[in-house]
Amino acid sequence: QVQLVETGGGLVQPGGSLRLSCAASGSFFRINAMGWYRQAPGKQRELVASITNDGNTVYADSLKGRFTISRDNAKNTVYLQMNSLKSEDPAVYYCNANVKPTFYSVERLYWGQGTQVTVSS
């Protein structure tokens, strides 16, 4: 079983920054792509950014330039640096990971429990 634990959420003023972390633990063969999604009240969950295990990234168009995704494969951790936070950014931020439990098994998608980001003065 794989667990994903997000940390780093909280309250920040408009224009401020936060860094989210998501650490994977458990027993697995390899983690492939990892990503961040967010869901605001009354809205669908949407992609923020994703990153492959060799560092290729994809961003939501509206967030390019403000958010940066990165990962540390040795720590099985993905990060999301969020700068210039705006009033439209508050949401629960979730990480996910595409994981091969064993060499022979197919890839499975795991989700973290989410971390709240609030932007308010």
N, C-alpha and C. Protein backbone atom coordinates (compact mmCIF):
# COMPACT_ATOMS: atom_id res chain seq x y z
N GLN A 1 0.84 -1.18 0.00
CA GLN A 1 0.00 0.00 0.00
C GLN A 1 0.89 1.24 0.00
N VAL A 2 0.38 2.30 -0.64
CA VAL A 2 1.12 3.56 -0.77
C VAL A 2 0.34 4.65 -0.07
N GLN A 3 1.02 5.46 0.68
CA GLN A 3 0.39 6.61 1.32
C GLN A 3 1.05 7.89 0.80
N LEU A 4 0.22 8.89 0.55
CA LEU A 4 0.70 10.21 0.17
C LEU A 4 0.26 11.20 1.23
N VAL A 5 1.19 11.95 1.75
CA VAL A 5 0.87 12.91 2.80
C VAL A 5 1.33 14.30 2.37
N GLU A 6 0.35 15.20 2.26
CA GLU A 6 0.65 16.58 1.87
C GLU A 6 0.86 17.43 3.12
N THR A 7 1.77 18.36 3.03
CA THR A 7 2.00 19.34 4.09
C THR A 7 2.29 20.68 3.45
N GLY A 8 2.17 21.73 4.26
CA GLY A 8 2.56 23.05 3.80
C GLY A 8 1.43 24.01 3.51
N GLY A 9 0.21 23.54 3.58
CA GLY A 9 -0.91 24.44 3.36
C GLY A 9 -1.09 25.40 4.52
N GLY A 10 -1.96 26.37 4.32
CA GLY A 10 -2.23 27.32 5.39
C GLY A 10 -2.80 28.61 4.86
N LEU A 11 -2.72 29.63 5.69
CA LEU A 11 -3.24 30.95 5.37
C LEU A 11 -2.10 31.85 4.93
N VAL A 12 -2.31 32.54 3.83
CA VAL A 12 -1.31 33.47 3.32
C VAL A 12 -2.01 34.70 2.78
N GLN A 13 -1.33 35.83 2.84
CA GLN A 13 -1.90 37.06 2.31
C GLN A 13 -1.79 37.09 0.80
N PRO A 14 -2.65 37.82 0.14
CA PRO A 14 -2.53 37.98 -1.32
C PRO A 14 -1.13 38.46 -1.68
N GLY A 15 -0.57 37.85 -2.71
CA GLY A 15 0.79 38.17 -3.12
C GLY A 15 1.85 37.35 -2.42
N GLY A 16 1.45 36.60 -1.44
CA GLY A 16 2.40 35.78 -0.69
C GLY A 16 2.71 34.47 -1.37
N SER A 17 3.52 33.66 -0.68
CA SER A 17 3.97 32.39 -1.22
C SER A 17 3.75 31.26 -0.22
N LEU A 18 3.59 30.09 -0.76
CA LEU A 18 3.53 28.86 0.03
C LEU A 18 4.25 27.77 -0.75
N ARG A 19 4.80 26.83 -0.01
CA ARG A 19 5.41 25.66 -0.63
C ARG A 19 4.74 24.41 -0.06
N LEU A 20 4.12 23.66 -0.93
CA LEU A 20 3.48 22.41 -0.54
C LEU A 20 4.44 21.25 -0.80
N SER A 21 4.36 20.26 0.07
CA SER A 21 5.13 19.04 -0.11
C SER A 21 4.20 17.85 -0.05
N CYS A 22 4.58 16.80 -0.75
CA CYS A 22 3.80 15.56 -0.73
C CYS A 22 4.80 14.40 -0.74
N ALA A 23 4.80 13.66 0.33
CA ALA A 23 5.73 12.55 0.47
C ALA A 23 5.01 11.23 0.33
N ALA A 24 5.58 10.36 -0.48
CA ALA A 24 5.02 9.02 -0.67
C ALA A 24 5.77 8.03 0.22
N SER A 25 5.02 7.15 0.83
CA SER A 25 5.62 6.11 1.67
C SER A 25 4.90 4.80 1.44
N GLY A 26 5.53 3.73 1.89
CA GLY A 26 4.94 2.41 1.72
C GLY A 26 5.85 1.53 0.90
N SER A 27 5.28 0.48 0.39
CA SER A 27 6.03 -0.49 -0.38
C SER A 27 5.66 -0.39 -1.85
N PHE A 28 6.63 -0.11 -2.70
CA PHE A 28 6.35 -0.01 -4.13
C PHE A 28 7.64 -0.17 -4.91
N PHE A 29 7.48 -0.46 -6.19
CA PHE A 29 8.64 -0.63 -7.07
C PHE A 29 9.13 0.72 -7.59
N ARG A 30 8.22 1.51 -8.10
CA ARG A 30 8.61 2.79 -8.70
C ARG A 30 7.44 3.77 -8.73
N ILE A 31 7.75 5.04 -8.55
CA ILE A 31 6.78 6.10 -8.75
C ILE A 31 7.05 6.75 -10.09
N ASN A 32 6.05 6.80 -10.92
CA ASN A 32 6.18 7.47 -12.21
C ASN A 32 5.75 8.93 -12.05
N ALA A 33 4.79 9.37 -12.82
CA ALA A 33 4.39 10.78 -12.74
C ALA A 33 3.74 11.10 -11.39
N MET A 34 3.99 12.32 -10.94
CA MET A 34 3.33 12.84 -9.75
C MET A 34 2.70 14.18 -10.12
N GLY A 35 1.69 14.56 -9.38
CA GLY A 35 1.02 15.80 -9.76
C GLY A 35 0.31 16.46 -8.60
N TRP A 36 -0.11 17.68 -8.87
CA TRP A 36 -0.92 18.46 -7.94
C TRP A 36 -2.22 18.86 -8.63
N TYR A 37 -3.30 18.70 -7.90
CA TYR A 37 -4.62 19.14 -8.33
C TYR A 37 -5.18 20.03 -7.23
N ARG A 38 -6.21 20.77 -7.58
CA ARG A 38 -6.88 21.57 -6.56
C ARG A 38 -8.38 21.56 -6.80
N GLN A 39 -9.10 21.74 -5.71
CA GLN A 39 -10.56 21.78 -5.79
C GLN A 39 -11.08 22.85 -4.86
N ALA A 40 -11.72 23.84 -5.46
CA ALA A 40 -12.35 24.91 -4.69
C ALA A 40 -13.80 24.53 -4.43
N PRO A 41 -14.43 25.11 -3.42
CA PRO A 41 -15.83 24.78 -3.11
C PRO A 41 -16.73 24.99 -4.31
N GLY A 42 -17.53 24.00 -4.62
CA GLY A 42 -18.48 24.11 -5.71
C GLY A 42 -17.88 23.93 -7.09
N LYS A 43 -16.60 23.62 -7.16
CA LYS A 43 -15.94 23.46 -8.45
C LYS A 43 -15.35 22.06 -8.59
N GLN A 44 -15.09 21.71 -9.83
CA GLN A 44 -14.46 20.41 -10.07
C GLN A 44 -12.97 20.46 -9.74
N ARG A 45 -12.44 19.30 -9.44
CA ARG A 45 -11.00 19.21 -9.21
C ARG A 45 -10.29 19.48 -10.54
N GLU A 46 -9.24 20.28 -10.48
CA GLU A 46 -8.53 20.64 -11.70
C GLU A 46 -7.04 20.43 -11.54
N LEU A 47 -6.40 20.17 -12.67
CA LEU A 47 -4.96 19.99 -12.68
C LEU A 47 -4.27 21.31 -12.38
N VAL A 48 -3.26 21.25 -11.51
CA VAL A 48 -2.38 22.39 -11.29
C VAL A 48 -1.09 22.17 -12.09
N ALA A 49 -0.44 21.03 -11.83
CA ALA A 49 0.80 20.72 -12.52
C ALA A 49 1.13 19.25 -12.31
N SER A 50 1.93 18.72 -13.21
CA SER A 50 2.40 17.34 -13.06
C SER A 50 3.85 17.27 -13.50
N ILE A 51 4.52 16.22 -13.04
CA ILE A 51 5.94 16.05 -13.35
C ILE A 51 6.25 14.58 -13.46
N THR A 52 7.00 14.22 -14.51
CA THR A 52 7.41 12.83 -14.67
C THR A 52 8.63 12.54 -13.80
N ASN A 53 9.02 11.28 -13.73
CA ASN A 53 10.15 10.96 -12.88
C ASN A 53 11.48 11.39 -13.49
N ASP A 54 11.47 11.84 -14.73
CA ASP A 54 12.70 12.42 -15.29
C ASP A 54 12.59 13.93 -15.45
N GLY A 55 11.57 14.52 -14.81
CA GLY A 55 11.53 15.97 -14.69
C GLY A 55 10.72 16.74 -15.71
N ASN A 56 10.04 16.07 -16.61
CA ASN A 56 9.20 16.79 -17.56
C ASN A 56 7.93 17.28 -16.87
N THR A 57 7.58 18.52 -17.12
CA THR A 57 6.47 19.14 -16.39
C THR A 57 5.35 19.59 -17.32
N VAL A 58 4.16 19.63 -16.77
CA VAL A 58 2.98 20.17 -17.43
C VAL A 58 2.28 21.07 -16.42
N TYR A 59 1.83 22.24 -16.87
CA TYR A 59 1.14 23.19 -16.00
C TYR A 59 -0.20 23.56 -16.59
N ALA A 60 -1.13 23.89 -15.71
CA ALA A 60 -2.35 24.55 -16.15
C ALA A 60 -1.94 25.90 -16.73
N ASP A 61 -2.50 26.25 -17.87
CA ASP A 61 -2.09 27.47 -18.56
C ASP A 61 -2.20 28.70 -17.66
N SER A 62 -3.25 28.75 -16.87
CA SER A 62 -3.51 29.93 -16.04
C SER A 62 -2.51 30.09 -14.90
N LEU A 63 -1.75 29.03 -14.61
CA LEU A 63 -0.85 29.07 -13.46
C LEU A 63 0.63 29.15 -13.85
N LYS A 64 0.91 29.05 -15.13
CA LYS A 64 2.30 29.13 -15.58
C LYS A 64 2.92 30.45 -15.14
N GLY A 65 4.13 30.35 -14.63
CA GLY A 65 4.85 31.54 -14.21
C GLY A 65 4.69 31.86 -12.74
N ARG A 66 3.62 31.36 -12.10
CA ARG A 66 3.44 31.61 -10.67
C ARG A 66 3.71 30.36 -9.84
N PHE A 67 3.38 29.20 -10.38
CA PHE A 67 3.54 27.94 -9.67
C PHE A 67 4.66 27.13 -10.31
N THR A 68 5.42 26.44 -9.47
CA THR A 68 6.51 25.59 -9.95
C THR A 68 6.45 24.24 -9.26
N ILE A 69 6.41 23.19 -10.06
CA ILE A 69 6.42 21.84 -9.52
C ILE A 69 7.83 21.27 -9.62
N SER A 70 8.22 20.51 -8.62
CA SER A 70 9.52 19.85 -8.64
C SER A 70 9.41 18.57 -7.82
N ARG A 71 10.42 17.75 -7.90
CA ARG A 71 10.38 16.50 -7.12
C ARG A 71 11.78 16.08 -6.74
N ASP A 72 11.84 15.32 -5.67
CA ASP A 72 13.08 14.71 -5.21
C ASP A 72 12.84 13.20 -5.23
N ASN A 73 13.35 12.54 -6.23
CA ASN A 73 13.09 11.11 -6.38
C ASN A 73 13.68 10.30 -5.23
N ALA A 74 14.78 10.75 -4.68
CA ALA A 74 15.40 10.02 -3.58
C ALA A 74 14.51 10.04 -2.33
N LYS A 75 13.71 11.09 -2.20
CA LYS A 75 12.81 11.23 -1.04
C LYS A 75 11.37 10.88 -1.39
N ASN A 76 11.13 10.49 -2.65
CA ASN A 76 9.76 10.18 -3.09
C ASN A 76 8.81 11.32 -2.76
N THR A 77 9.25 12.52 -3.03
CA THR A 77 8.51 13.72 -2.64
C THR A 77 8.35 14.65 -3.83
N VAL A 78 7.16 15.21 -3.94
CA VAL A 78 6.88 16.23 -4.94
C VAL A 78 6.55 17.53 -4.23
N TYR A 79 6.95 18.64 -4.82
CA TYR A 79 6.75 19.95 -4.23
C TYR A 79 5.95 20.84 -5.18
N LEU A 80 5.29 21.81 -4.60
CA LEU A 80 4.62 22.84 -5.38
C LEU A 80 4.94 24.19 -4.74
N GLN A 81 5.74 24.97 -5.44
CA GLN A 81 6.04 26.33 -4.99
C GLN A 81 5.01 27.27 -5.61
N MET A 82 4.27 27.96 -4.76
CA MET A 82 3.22 28.84 -5.22
C MET A 82 3.58 30.26 -4.84
N ASN A 83 3.75 31.11 -5.84
CA ASN A 83 4.10 32.51 -5.63
C ASN A 83 2.97 33.42 -6.10
N SER A 84 3.01 34.64 -5.63
CA SER A 84 2.02 35.66 -6.04
C SER A 84 0.61 35.12 -5.92
N LEU A 85 0.30 34.56 -4.78
CA LEU A 85 -1.02 33.94 -4.60
C LEU A 85 -2.13 34.97 -4.70
N LYS A 86 -3.23 34.54 -5.32
CA LYS A 86 -4.34 35.42 -5.62
C LYS A 86 -5.61 34.92 -4.94
N SER A 87 -6.63 35.76 -5.03
CA SER A 87 -7.91 35.41 -4.41
C SER A 87 -8.55 34.20 -5.06
N GLU A 88 -8.17 33.87 -6.29
CA GLU A 88 -8.77 32.71 -6.96
C GLU A 88 -8.01 31.40 -6.69
N ASP A 89 -6.94 31.47 -5.91
CA ASP A 89 -6.14 30.27 -5.64
C ASP A 89 -6.60 29.42 -4.45
N PRO A 90 -7.40 29.94 -3.51
CA PRO A 90 -7.80 29.11 -2.37
C PRO A 90 -8.54 27.85 -2.81
N ALA A 91 -8.14 26.74 -2.22
CA ALA A 91 -8.71 25.45 -2.56
C ALA A 91 -8.07 24.41 -1.66
N VAL A 92 -8.59 23.21 -1.75
CA VAL A 92 -7.88 22.07 -1.19
C VAL A 92 -6.96 21.55 -2.29
N TYR A 93 -5.70 21.45 -1.97
CA TYR A 93 -4.71 21.00 -2.93
C TYR A 93 -4.38 19.53 -2.64
N TYR A 94 -4.48 18.72 -3.68
CA TYR A 94 -4.24 17.29 -3.57
C TYR A 94 -3.04 16.90 -4.42
N CYS A 95 -2.24 16.00 -3.91
CA CYS A 95 -1.21 15.43 -4.77
C CYS A 95 -1.64 14.03 -5.19
N ASN A 96 -1.10 13.59 -6.30
CA ASN A 96 -1.30 12.21 -6.72
C ASN A 96 -0.01 11.63 -7.25
N ALA A 97 0.00 10.33 -7.35
CA ALA A 97 1.19 9.64 -7.83
C ALA A 97 0.78 8.40 -8.59
N ASN A 98 1.42 8.19 -9.72
CA ASN A 98 1.23 6.97 -10.50
C ASN A 98 2.32 6.00 -10.08
N VAL A 99 1.90 4.91 -9.47
CA VAL A 99 2.84 4.02 -8.80
C VAL A 99 2.76 2.61 -9.37
N LYS A 100 3.92 2.02 -9.62
CA LYS A 100 3.99 0.59 -9.92
C LYS A 100 4.31 -0.15 -8.61
N PRO A 101 3.34 -0.87 -8.06
CA PRO A 101 3.60 -1.56 -6.79
C PRO A 101 4.73 -2.58 -6.88
N THR A 102 4.77 -3.32 -7.97
CA THR A 102 5.85 -4.28 -8.19
C THR A 102 6.32 -4.15 -9.63
N PHE A 103 7.39 -4.78 -9.97
CA PHE A 103 7.92 -4.74 -11.33
C PHE A 103 6.90 -5.25 -12.33
N TYR A 104 6.14 -6.27 -11.93
CA TYR A 104 5.22 -6.93 -12.86
C TYR A 104 3.83 -6.31 -12.88
N SER A 105 3.51 -5.46 -11.93
CA SER A 105 2.14 -4.97 -11.82
C SER A 105 1.92 -3.74 -12.68
N VAL A 106 0.66 -3.48 -12.95
CA VAL A 106 0.31 -2.28 -13.71
C VAL A 106 0.35 -1.07 -12.78
N GLU A 107 0.41 0.07 -13.40
CA GLU A 107 0.47 1.32 -12.64
C GLU A 107 -0.87 1.61 -11.96
N ARG A 108 -0.80 2.12 -10.74
CA ARG A 108 -2.00 2.51 -10.01
C ARG A 108 -1.88 3.97 -9.59
N LEU A 109 -3.03 4.63 -9.52
CA LEU A 109 -3.06 6.04 -9.14
C LEU A 109 -3.45 6.16 -7.68
N TYR A 110 -2.65 6.89 -6.92
CA TYR A 110 -2.94 7.15 -5.52
C TYR A 110 -3.10 8.65 -5.30
N TRP A 111 -3.93 8.98 -4.30
CA TRP A 111 -4.19 10.38 -3.95
C TRP A 111 -3.86 10.62 -2.49
N GLY A 112 -3.42 11.83 -2.20
CA GLY A 112 -3.28 12.26 -0.83
C GLY A 112 -4.60 12.75 -0.28
N GLN A 113 -4.58 13.13 0.99
CA GLN A 113 -5.82 13.55 1.66
C GLN A 113 -6.15 15.02 1.43
N GLY A 114 -5.20 15.77 0.90
CA GLY A 114 -5.43 17.17 0.60
C GLY A 114 -4.94 18.10 1.70
N THR A 115 -4.58 19.30 1.30
CA THR A 115 -4.18 20.33 2.26
C THR A 115 -4.83 21.65 1.84
N GLN A 116 -5.35 22.36 2.80
CA GLN A 116 -6.10 23.59 2.53
C GLN A 116 -5.16 24.76 2.34
N VAL A 117 -5.41 25.52 1.28
CA VAL A 117 -4.71 26.79 1.04
C VAL A 117 -5.74 27.90 1.08
N THR A 118 -5.51 28.88 1.90
CA THR A 118 -6.39 30.02 2.04
C THR A 118 -5.61 31.30 1.77
N VAL A 119 -6.18 32.15 0.96
CA VAL A 119 -5.54 33.43 0.64
C VAL A 119 -6.46 34.54 1.13
N SER A 120 -5.98 35.30 2.10
CA SER A 120 -6.82 36.33 2.69
C SER A 120 -5.95 37.36 3.39
N SER A 121 -6.41 38.61 3.33
CA SER A 121 -5.70 39.66 4.05
C SER A 121 -6.29 39.86 5.44
